Amino acid sequence: MPKEMLQELIGKDCIITIFNDFGSIQGKLITVEENWIKVEEKKKVRIINGDMIKDISVLK
């Protein structure tokens, strides 16, 4: 996933779909550093490998 495109989504609520996973992650994209993405969910913060992202939907 291109870092430049991810930078535009910082601070926005998103749904992130991961390869080889049966679910998705919903939360606010906080930080993008190199190939890692930090997402704040309701009760936890996740750090996701950018290579594992299949799709990102931005919530309005």
N, C-alpha and C. Protein backbone atom coordinates (compact mmCIF):
# COMPACT_ATOMS: atom_id res chain seq x y z
N MET A 1 0.87 -1.18 0.00
CA MET A 1 0.00 0.00 0.00
C MET A 1 0.90 1.23 0.00
N PRO A 2 0.72 2.15 -0.96
CA PRO A 2 1.57 3.34 -1.04
C PRO A 2 1.42 4.26 0.17
N LYS A 3 2.55 4.64 0.75
CA LYS A 3 2.56 5.48 1.95
C LYS A 3 1.90 6.83 1.70
N GLU A 4 2.10 7.39 0.51
CA GLU A 4 1.53 8.70 0.19
C GLU A 4 0.00 8.67 0.27
N MET A 5 -0.59 7.59 -0.22
CA MET A 5 -2.05 7.47 -0.18
C MET A 5 -2.54 7.31 1.26
N LEU A 6 -1.79 6.56 2.06
CA LEU A 6 -2.18 6.35 3.46
C LEU A 6 -2.08 7.63 4.27
N GLN A 7 -1.11 8.48 3.96
CA GLN A 7 -0.93 9.75 4.68
C GLN A 7 -2.20 10.60 4.59
N GLU A 8 -2.91 10.53 3.47
CA GLU A 8 -4.14 11.30 3.27
C GLU A 8 -5.26 10.84 4.21
N LEU A 9 -5.17 9.61 4.72
CA LEU A 9 -6.23 9.05 5.55
C LEU A 9 -6.00 9.23 7.05
N ILE A 10 -4.88 9.81 7.45
CA ILE A 10 -4.59 9.99 8.87
C ILE A 10 -5.67 10.86 9.50
N GLY A 11 -6.20 10.38 10.63
CA GLY A 11 -7.24 11.09 11.36
C GLY A 11 -8.65 10.73 10.93
N LYS A 12 -8.79 9.88 9.92
CA LYS A 12 -10.11 9.51 9.42
C LYS A 12 -10.50 8.13 9.93
N ASP A 13 -11.82 7.94 10.12
CA ASP A 13 -12.34 6.63 10.50
C ASP A 13 -12.41 5.75 9.26
N CYS A 14 -11.86 4.54 9.38
CA CYS A 14 -11.75 3.63 8.23
C CYS A 14 -12.14 2.21 8.62
N ILE A 15 -12.45 1.43 7.61
CA ILE A 15 -12.58 -0.02 7.75
C ILE A 15 -11.47 -0.61 6.91
N ILE A 16 -10.60 -1.41 7.54
CA ILE A 16 -9.44 -1.98 6.87
C ILE A 16 -9.64 -3.49 6.76
N THR A 17 -9.58 -4.00 5.54
CA THR A 17 -9.69 -5.43 5.29
C THR A 17 -8.28 -5.97 5.08
N ILE A 18 -8.00 -7.11 5.74
CA ILE A 18 -6.67 -7.71 5.72
C ILE A 18 -6.70 -8.99 4.88
N PHE A 19 -5.62 -9.26 4.13
CA PHE A 19 -5.48 -10.53 3.42
C PHE A 19 -5.46 -11.67 4.42
N ASN A 20 -6.03 -12.81 4.05
CA ASN A 20 -6.02 -14.04 4.86
C ASN A 20 -6.67 -13.86 6.22
N ASP A 21 -7.63 -12.97 6.33
CA ASP A 21 -8.33 -12.76 7.60
C ASP A 21 -9.82 -12.73 7.30
N PHE A 22 -10.61 -13.29 8.20
CA PHE A 22 -12.05 -13.37 7.96
C PHE A 22 -12.79 -12.13 8.43
N GLY A 23 -12.11 -11.18 9.00
CA GLY A 23 -12.77 -9.98 9.50
C GLY A 23 -12.11 -8.73 8.96
N SER A 24 -12.50 -7.63 9.57
CA SER A 24 -11.91 -6.35 9.21
C SER A 24 -11.66 -5.56 10.48
N ILE A 25 -10.93 -4.47 10.35
CA ILE A 25 -10.59 -3.61 11.48
C ILE A 25 -11.24 -2.27 11.23
N GLN A 26 -11.99 -1.79 12.22
CA GLN A 26 -12.61 -0.47 12.09
C GLN A 26 -12.04 0.44 13.15
N GLY A 27 -11.54 1.59 12.72
CA GLY A 27 -10.98 2.54 13.66
C GLY A 27 -10.41 3.75 12.96
N LYS A 28 -9.78 4.61 13.75
CA LYS A 28 -9.18 5.84 13.22
C LYS A 28 -7.72 5.58 12.91
N LEU A 29 -7.30 5.90 11.70
CA LEU A 29 -5.92 5.76 11.30
C LEU A 29 -5.11 6.86 11.98
N ILE A 30 -4.12 6.47 12.78
CA ILE A 30 -3.37 7.43 13.58
C ILE A 30 -2.04 7.81 12.94
N THR A 31 -1.26 6.79 12.57
CA THR A 31 0.10 7.04 12.09
C THR A 31 0.46 6.07 10.97
N VAL A 32 1.29 6.53 10.05
CA VAL A 32 1.86 5.68 9.01
C VAL A 32 3.37 5.88 9.07
N GLU A 33 4.10 4.80 9.36
CA GLU A 33 5.56 4.86 9.43
C GLU A 33 6.14 3.69 8.66
N GLU A 34 6.91 4.02 7.63
CA GLU A 34 7.49 3.03 6.73
C GLU A 34 6.39 2.11 6.23
N ASN A 35 6.37 0.85 6.64
CA ASN A 35 5.37 -0.09 6.15
C ASN A 35 4.37 -0.49 7.24
N TRP A 36 4.25 0.32 8.28
CA TRP A 36 3.38 -0.01 9.40
C TRP A 36 2.33 1.08 9.60
N ILE A 37 1.14 0.64 9.98
CA ILE A 37 0.01 1.55 10.15
C ILE A 37 -0.55 1.35 11.55
N LYS A 38 -0.76 2.45 12.27
CA LYS A 38 -1.33 2.39 13.62
C LYS A 38 -2.79 2.82 13.53
N VAL A 39 -3.69 1.95 14.05
CA VAL A 39 -5.13 2.20 14.00
C VAL A 39 -5.69 2.14 15.42
N GLU A 40 -6.45 3.16 15.81
CA GLU A 40 -7.08 3.21 17.13
C GLU A 40 -8.51 2.71 17.01
N GLU A 41 -8.78 1.57 17.69
CA GLU A 41 -10.13 1.03 17.76
C GLU A 41 -10.78 1.54 19.04
N LYS A 42 -11.99 1.07 19.35
CA LYS A 42 -12.69 1.55 20.54
C LYS A 42 -11.91 1.28 21.83
N LYS A 43 -11.39 0.05 21.97
CA LYS A 43 -10.75 -0.33 23.23
C LYS A 43 -9.28 -0.70 23.10
N LYS A 44 -8.71 -0.57 21.91
CA LYS A 44 -7.30 -0.94 21.74
C LYS A 44 -6.71 -0.23 20.54
N VAL A 45 -5.39 -0.32 20.45
CA VAL A 45 -4.64 0.24 19.31
C VAL A 45 -3.96 -0.93 18.62
N ARG A 46 -4.06 -0.99 17.30
CA ARG A 46 -3.42 -2.05 16.52
C ARG A 46 -2.34 -1.44 15.64
N ILE A 47 -1.29 -2.22 15.43
CA ILE A 47 -0.25 -1.87 14.47
C ILE A 47 -0.30 -2.94 13.38
N ILE A 48 -0.51 -2.50 12.14
CA ILE A 48 -0.76 -3.41 11.04
C ILE A 48 0.36 -3.28 10.01
N ASN A 49 0.80 -4.43 9.50
CA ASN A 49 1.78 -4.45 8.42
C ASN A 49 1.09 -4.01 7.13
N GLY A 50 1.61 -2.99 6.48
CA GLY A 50 1.01 -2.44 5.27
C GLY A 50 0.90 -3.44 4.13
N ASP A 51 1.77 -4.45 4.10
CA ASP A 51 1.71 -5.46 3.04
C ASP A 51 0.50 -6.37 3.18
N MET A 52 -0.11 -6.40 4.35
CA MET A 52 -1.25 -7.29 4.60
C MET A 52 -2.59 -6.64 4.30
N ILE A 53 -2.60 -5.37 3.92
CA ILE A 53 -3.86 -4.66 3.69
C ILE A 53 -4.38 -4.97 2.29
N LYS A 54 -5.65 -5.39 2.27
CA LYS A 54 -6.32 -5.69 1.00
C LYS A 54 -7.13 -4.48 0.52
N ASP A 55 -7.80 -3.81 1.47
CA ASP A 55 -8.73 -2.74 1.11
C ASP A 55 -8.91 -1.79 2.29
N ILE A 56 -9.09 -0.50 2.00
CA ILE A 56 -9.42 0.48 3.03
C ILE A 56 -10.63 1.27 2.57
N SER A 57 -11.67 1.30 3.41
CA SER A 57 -12.86 2.11 3.14
C SER A 57 -12.89 3.25 4.15
N VAL A 58 -13.12 4.47 3.69
CA VAL A 58 -13.20 5.63 4.57
C VAL A 58 -14.66 5.87 4.90
N LEU A 59 -14.96 5.98 6.21
CA LEU A 59 -16.33 6.23 6.66
C LEU A 59 -16.61 7.72 6.62
N LYS A 60 -17.84 8.07 6.31
CA LYS A 60 -18.23 9.49 6.27
C LYS A 60 -18.91 9.90 7.54
